Amino acid sequence: MEFVFEQIRTGGDRNLGYLVGARGPGVAFAVDPSFSPERFEERARAQRLTITRILNTHGHGDHTNGNAALKHLTGALVAAHPLLRPDLPLADGATLAVGPIAIHVMQVPGHSPDHLLFHLPAQKVALTGDLLFVGKIGGTGDDDAARTEYASLQRVMRSLPDETTVWPGHDYGCRPSSTIGLERANNPFLAVADVAAFLALKREWPDFKARHGLA
């Protein structure tokens, strides 16, 4: 199998989407087409691939609003958390196959209650959406959601090997991708001792960014 992986800048607030496929069978899936669904179809044709699935990491409009257009262009089915009522509901622990590519599904709520992470173990890839950015994490509306996000992040750190590459839903960091090992070593939200320290860092994050010269 010749693995195809493209990170696609989709507009919005530095949104990132992904085209992932296998050139042998000629099938692919799109992740979070958001503001540029036509771009995914164009890149798939250039790669001699047919998009058969559209995956959403979560239901926020800046990630899902390209679904209908891309579905119209390709006939692909939408796969997402059951709360979004997609064509293919994805349960925690499920494995979705697109051709020879196995996608392991993790429910990782916090940033939103319907958030999923997609892990491709054979390719050492994690599509983390708005849970985990490069050096940062997703925003939360209140302390209860932040506690849930902390538990999701801890689960991801326990579950994924350090060499797993991290591909987020926005280009908010110093580079557009990372690894679990780099995030474990450098992401301040993963260095905290406990959930209380996590909540404290969330509250002081604007000052922390200013002190450390972060955008």
Protein backbone atom coordinates (compact mmCIF):
# COMPACT_ATOMS: atom_id res chain seq x y z
CA MET A 1 0.00 0.00 0.00
CA GLU A 2 1.24 3.48 -0.88
CA PHE A 3 0.05 5.72 1.94
CA VAL A 4 -1.08 9.25 1.03
CA PHE A 5 -1.30 11.95 3.69
CA GLU A 6 -1.91 15.63 3.02
CA GLN A 7 -2.41 18.41 5.54
CA ILE A 8 -4.71 20.99 3.95
CA ARG A 9 -5.07 24.59 5.11
CA THR A 10 -8.78 25.25 4.93
CA GLY A 11 -9.08 28.93 5.93
CA GLY A 12 -11.02 30.16 8.92
CA ASP A 13 -8.94 30.56 12.06
CA ARG A 14 -5.84 28.76 10.78
CA ASN A 15 -7.94 25.61 10.33
CA LEU A 16 -6.25 22.41 9.19
CA GLY A 17 -7.92 19.45 7.50
CA TYR A 18 -6.53 16.20 6.16
CA LEU A 19 -6.73 13.98 3.11
CA VAL A 20 -5.64 10.43 3.92
CA GLY A 21 -5.67 7.51 1.51
CA ALA A 22 -4.13 4.46 -0.09
CA ARG A 23 -3.08 4.72 -3.72
CA GLY A 24 -3.28 0.97 -4.44
CA PRO A 25 -7.05 0.62 -3.95
CA GLY A 26 -7.48 4.32 -4.72
CA VAL A 27 -9.61 5.22 -1.70
CA ALA A 28 -9.32 8.05 0.82
CA PHE A 29 -11.01 9.84 3.65
CA ALA A 30 -11.21 13.55 4.46
CA VAL A 31 -11.01 14.96 7.98
CA ASP A 32 -12.73 18.25 8.87
CA PRO A 33 -13.16 19.76 5.38
CA SER A 34 -14.50 22.99 6.95
CA PHE A 35 -14.11 26.00 4.64
CA SER A 36 -12.46 24.31 1.63
CA PRO A 37 -14.38 21.17 0.62
CA GLU A 38 -13.58 21.65 -3.07
CA ARG A 39 -9.88 21.62 -2.26
CA PHE A 40 -10.18 18.10 -0.81
CA GLU A 41 -11.88 16.79 -3.94
CA GLU A 42 -9.26 18.47 -6.15
CA ARG A 43 -6.38 16.99 -4.17
CA ALA A 44 -8.00 13.55 -4.17
CA ARG A 45 -8.30 13.62 -7.97
CA ALA A 46 -4.67 14.76 -8.25
CA GLN A 47 -3.66 11.80 -6.08
CA ARG A 48 -5.88 9.42 -8.08
CA LEU A 49 -8.05 8.76 -5.04
CA THR A 50 -11.78 8.62 -4.36
CA ILE A 51 -12.99 10.04 -1.06
CA THR A 52 -15.38 7.48 0.46
CA ARG A 53 -15.62 8.85 4.02
CA ILE A 54 -15.74 12.29 5.63
CA LEU A 55 -14.61 12.23 9.27
CA ASN A 56 -15.27 14.98 11.80
CA THR A 57 -13.21 15.34 14.96
CA HIS A 58 -16.08 17.32 16.50
CA GLY A 59 -19.20 19.25 15.65
CA HIS A 60 -18.07 22.88 15.71
CA GLY A 61 -19.01 24.65 12.51
CA ASP A 62 -15.48 25.57 11.55
CA HIS A 63 -14.82 21.83 11.17
CA THR A 64 -18.11 20.53 9.79
CA ASN A 65 -19.45 23.25 7.52
CA GLY A 66 -17.85 21.70 4.41
CA ASN A 67 -19.50 18.32 4.94
CA ALA A 68 -22.53 18.83 2.71
CA ALA A 69 -20.54 20.24 -0.21
CA LEU A 70 -17.91 17.50 -0.07
CA LYS A 71 -20.58 14.82 0.27
CA HIS A 72 -22.27 16.26 -2.85
CA LEU A 73 -18.98 16.22 -4.76
CA THR A 74 -17.93 12.71 -3.77
CA GLY A 75 -20.90 10.74 -2.45
CA ALA A 76 -18.88 9.99 0.68
CA LEU A 77 -20.58 9.13 3.96
CA VAL A 78 -20.00 11.28 7.06
CA ALA A 79 -18.58 9.50 10.11
CA ALA A 80 -18.56 11.27 13.47
CA HIS A 81 -19.72 11.13 17.08
CA PRO A 82 -23.31 9.88 17.50
CA LEU A 83 -24.38 13.27 18.91
CA LEU A 84 -23.89 14.74 15.43
CA ARG A 85 -26.26 12.18 13.87
CA PRO A 86 -23.87 11.31 11.05
CA ASP A 87 -24.33 8.63 8.40
CA LEU A 88 -21.89 6.45 10.36
CA PRO A 89 -21.87 6.98 14.14
CA LEU A 90 -18.48 6.22 15.69
CA ALA A 91 -18.29 4.70 19.16
CA ASP A 92 -15.35 4.89 21.51
CA GLY A 93 -12.98 2.03 20.76
CA ALA A 94 -14.39 1.38 17.29
CA THR A 95 -12.17 0.72 14.29
CA LEU A 96 -13.18 2.21 10.95
CA ALA A 97 -11.57 0.78 7.81
CA VAL A 98 -11.05 2.85 4.66
CA GLY A 99 -9.51 0.42 2.25
CA PRO A 100 -6.44 -1.01 4.01
CA ILE A 101 -6.23 1.90 6.49
CA ALA A 102 -7.44 1.12 10.02
CA ILE A 103 -8.67 4.12 12.01
CA HIS A 104 -9.05 3.63 15.76
CA VAL A 105 -11.60 5.93 17.38
CA MET A 106 -11.15 7.52 20.80
CA GLN A 107 -13.85 9.67 22.39
CA VAL A 108 -12.00 12.57 24.01
CA PRO A 109 -14.56 15.10 25.32
CA GLY A 110 -13.69 18.39 26.93
CA HIS A 111 -13.31 20.99 24.20
CA SER A 112 -16.70 19.67 23.10
CA PRO A 113 -18.77 16.69 24.30
CA ASP A 114 -18.69 15.10 20.84
CA HIS A 115 -14.92 15.22 20.30
CA LEU A 116 -13.13 12.27 18.72
CA LEU A 117 -9.46 11.51 18.10
CA PHE A 118 -8.52 9.33 15.13
CA HIS A 119 -5.47 7.09 15.59
CA LEU A 120 -3.85 5.26 12.69
CA PRO A 121 -1.55 2.87 14.56
CA ALA A 122 0.10 1.33 11.49
CA GLN A 123 1.09 4.79 10.21
CA LYS A 124 1.81 6.23 13.69
CA VAL A 125 -0.60 9.10 13.08
CA ALA A 126 -3.02 10.84 15.47
CA LEU A 127 -5.55 13.34 14.14
CA THR A 128 -6.22 15.29 17.32
CA GLY A 129 -8.68 17.99 16.22
CA ASP A 130 -9.09 20.66 18.89
CA LEU A 131 -8.07 18.47 21.82
CA LEU A 132 -4.31 18.76 21.40
CA PHE A 133 -2.43 21.45 19.47
CA VAL A 134 1.29 21.98 19.16
CA GLY A 135 2.26 23.32 22.57
CA LYS A 136 -1.34 24.12 23.44
CA ILE A 137 -4.75 22.51 23.96
CA GLY A 138 -8.36 23.25 23.08
CA GLY A 139 -10.41 25.82 24.89
CA THR A 140 -13.12 24.91 27.38
CA GLY A 141 -16.21 26.76 28.55
CA ASP A 142 -16.02 26.08 32.27
CA ASP A 143 -14.15 24.14 34.94
CA ASP A 144 -16.27 21.02 34.50
CA ALA A 145 -15.41 20.86 30.79
CA ALA A 146 -11.75 21.55 31.66
CA ARG A 147 -11.71 18.62 34.09
CA THR A 148 -13.15 16.41 31.37
CA GLU A 149 -10.52 17.65 28.92
CA TYR A 150 -7.77 16.91 31.45
CA ALA A 151 -8.99 13.31 31.75
CA SER A 152 -9.10 12.98 27.94
CA LEU A 153 -5.56 14.30 27.58
CA GLN A 154 -4.28 11.95 30.26
CA ARG A 155 -5.94 9.04 28.49
CA VAL A 156 -4.28 9.99 25.20
CA MET A 157 -0.87 10.27 26.85
CA ARG A 158 -1.32 6.82 28.40
CA SER A 159 -2.57 5.25 25.19
CA LEU A 160 -0.42 6.55 22.35
CA PRO A 161 3.31 5.87 21.85
CA ASP A 162 5.74 8.78 21.89
CA GLU A 163 6.59 8.33 18.21
CA THR A 164 2.97 8.95 17.17
CA THR A 165 2.73 12.08 15.04
CA VAL A 166 0.22 14.73 16.13
CA TRP A 167 -1.85 16.50 13.49
CA PRO A 168 -4.15 19.16 15.03
CA GLY A 169 -7.23 20.96 13.79
CA HIS A 170 -5.60 24.42 13.84
CA ASP A 171 -2.10 25.73 13.19
CA TYR A 172 -1.79 27.42 16.56
CA GLY A 173 1.74 26.38 17.52
CA CYS A 174 5.30 27.01 16.44
CA ARG A 175 4.89 24.40 13.66
CA PRO A 176 1.90 22.63 12.10
CA SER A 177 2.53 19.15 13.57
CA SER A 178 4.31 17.43 16.43
CA THR A 179 4.65 14.06 18.14
CA ILE A 180 3.21 12.67 21.34
CA GLY A 181 6.74 12.52 22.76
CA LEU A 182 7.43 16.18 21.97
CA GLU A 183 4.11 17.26 23.45
CA ARG A 184 4.69 15.17 26.56
CA ALA A 185 8.06 16.88 27.01
CA ASN A 186 7.13 20.44 26.03
CA ASN A 187 3.40 21.14 26.27
CA PRO A 188 2.82 23.03 29.54
CA PHE A 189 -0.66 21.55 29.95
CA LEU A 190 0.82 18.06 29.95
CA ALA A 191 3.52 18.94 32.47
CA VAL A 192 1.14 19.86 35.30
CA ALA A 193 1.06 17.66 38.39
CA ASP A 194 -2.70 17.25 38.69
CA VAL A 195 -6.07 18.56 37.63
CA ALA A 196 -5.91 21.48 40.09
CA ALA A 197 -2.71 22.71 38.45
CA PHE A 198 -4.30 22.18 35.04
CA LEU A 199 -7.23 24.40 35.99
CA ALA A 200 -4.88 27.03 37.38
CA LEU A 201 -2.88 27.09 34.13
CA LYS A 202 -6.08 27.44 32.15
CA ARG A 203 -7.02 30.50 34.20
CA GLU A 204 -3.61 32.15 33.87
CA TRP A 205 -3.01 31.15 30.25
CA PRO A 206 -3.08 34.71 28.79
CA ASP A 207 -0.41 35.81 31.27
CA PHE A 208 1.58 32.60 30.70
CA LYS A 209 1.59 33.22 26.94
CA ALA A 210 2.70 36.80 27.41
CA ARG A 211 5.56 35.77 29.74
CA HIS A 212 6.80 33.13 27.32
CA GLY A 213 6.31 35.05 24.07
CA LEU A 214 3.62 32.72 22.71
CA ALA A 215 1.12 33.82 20.08
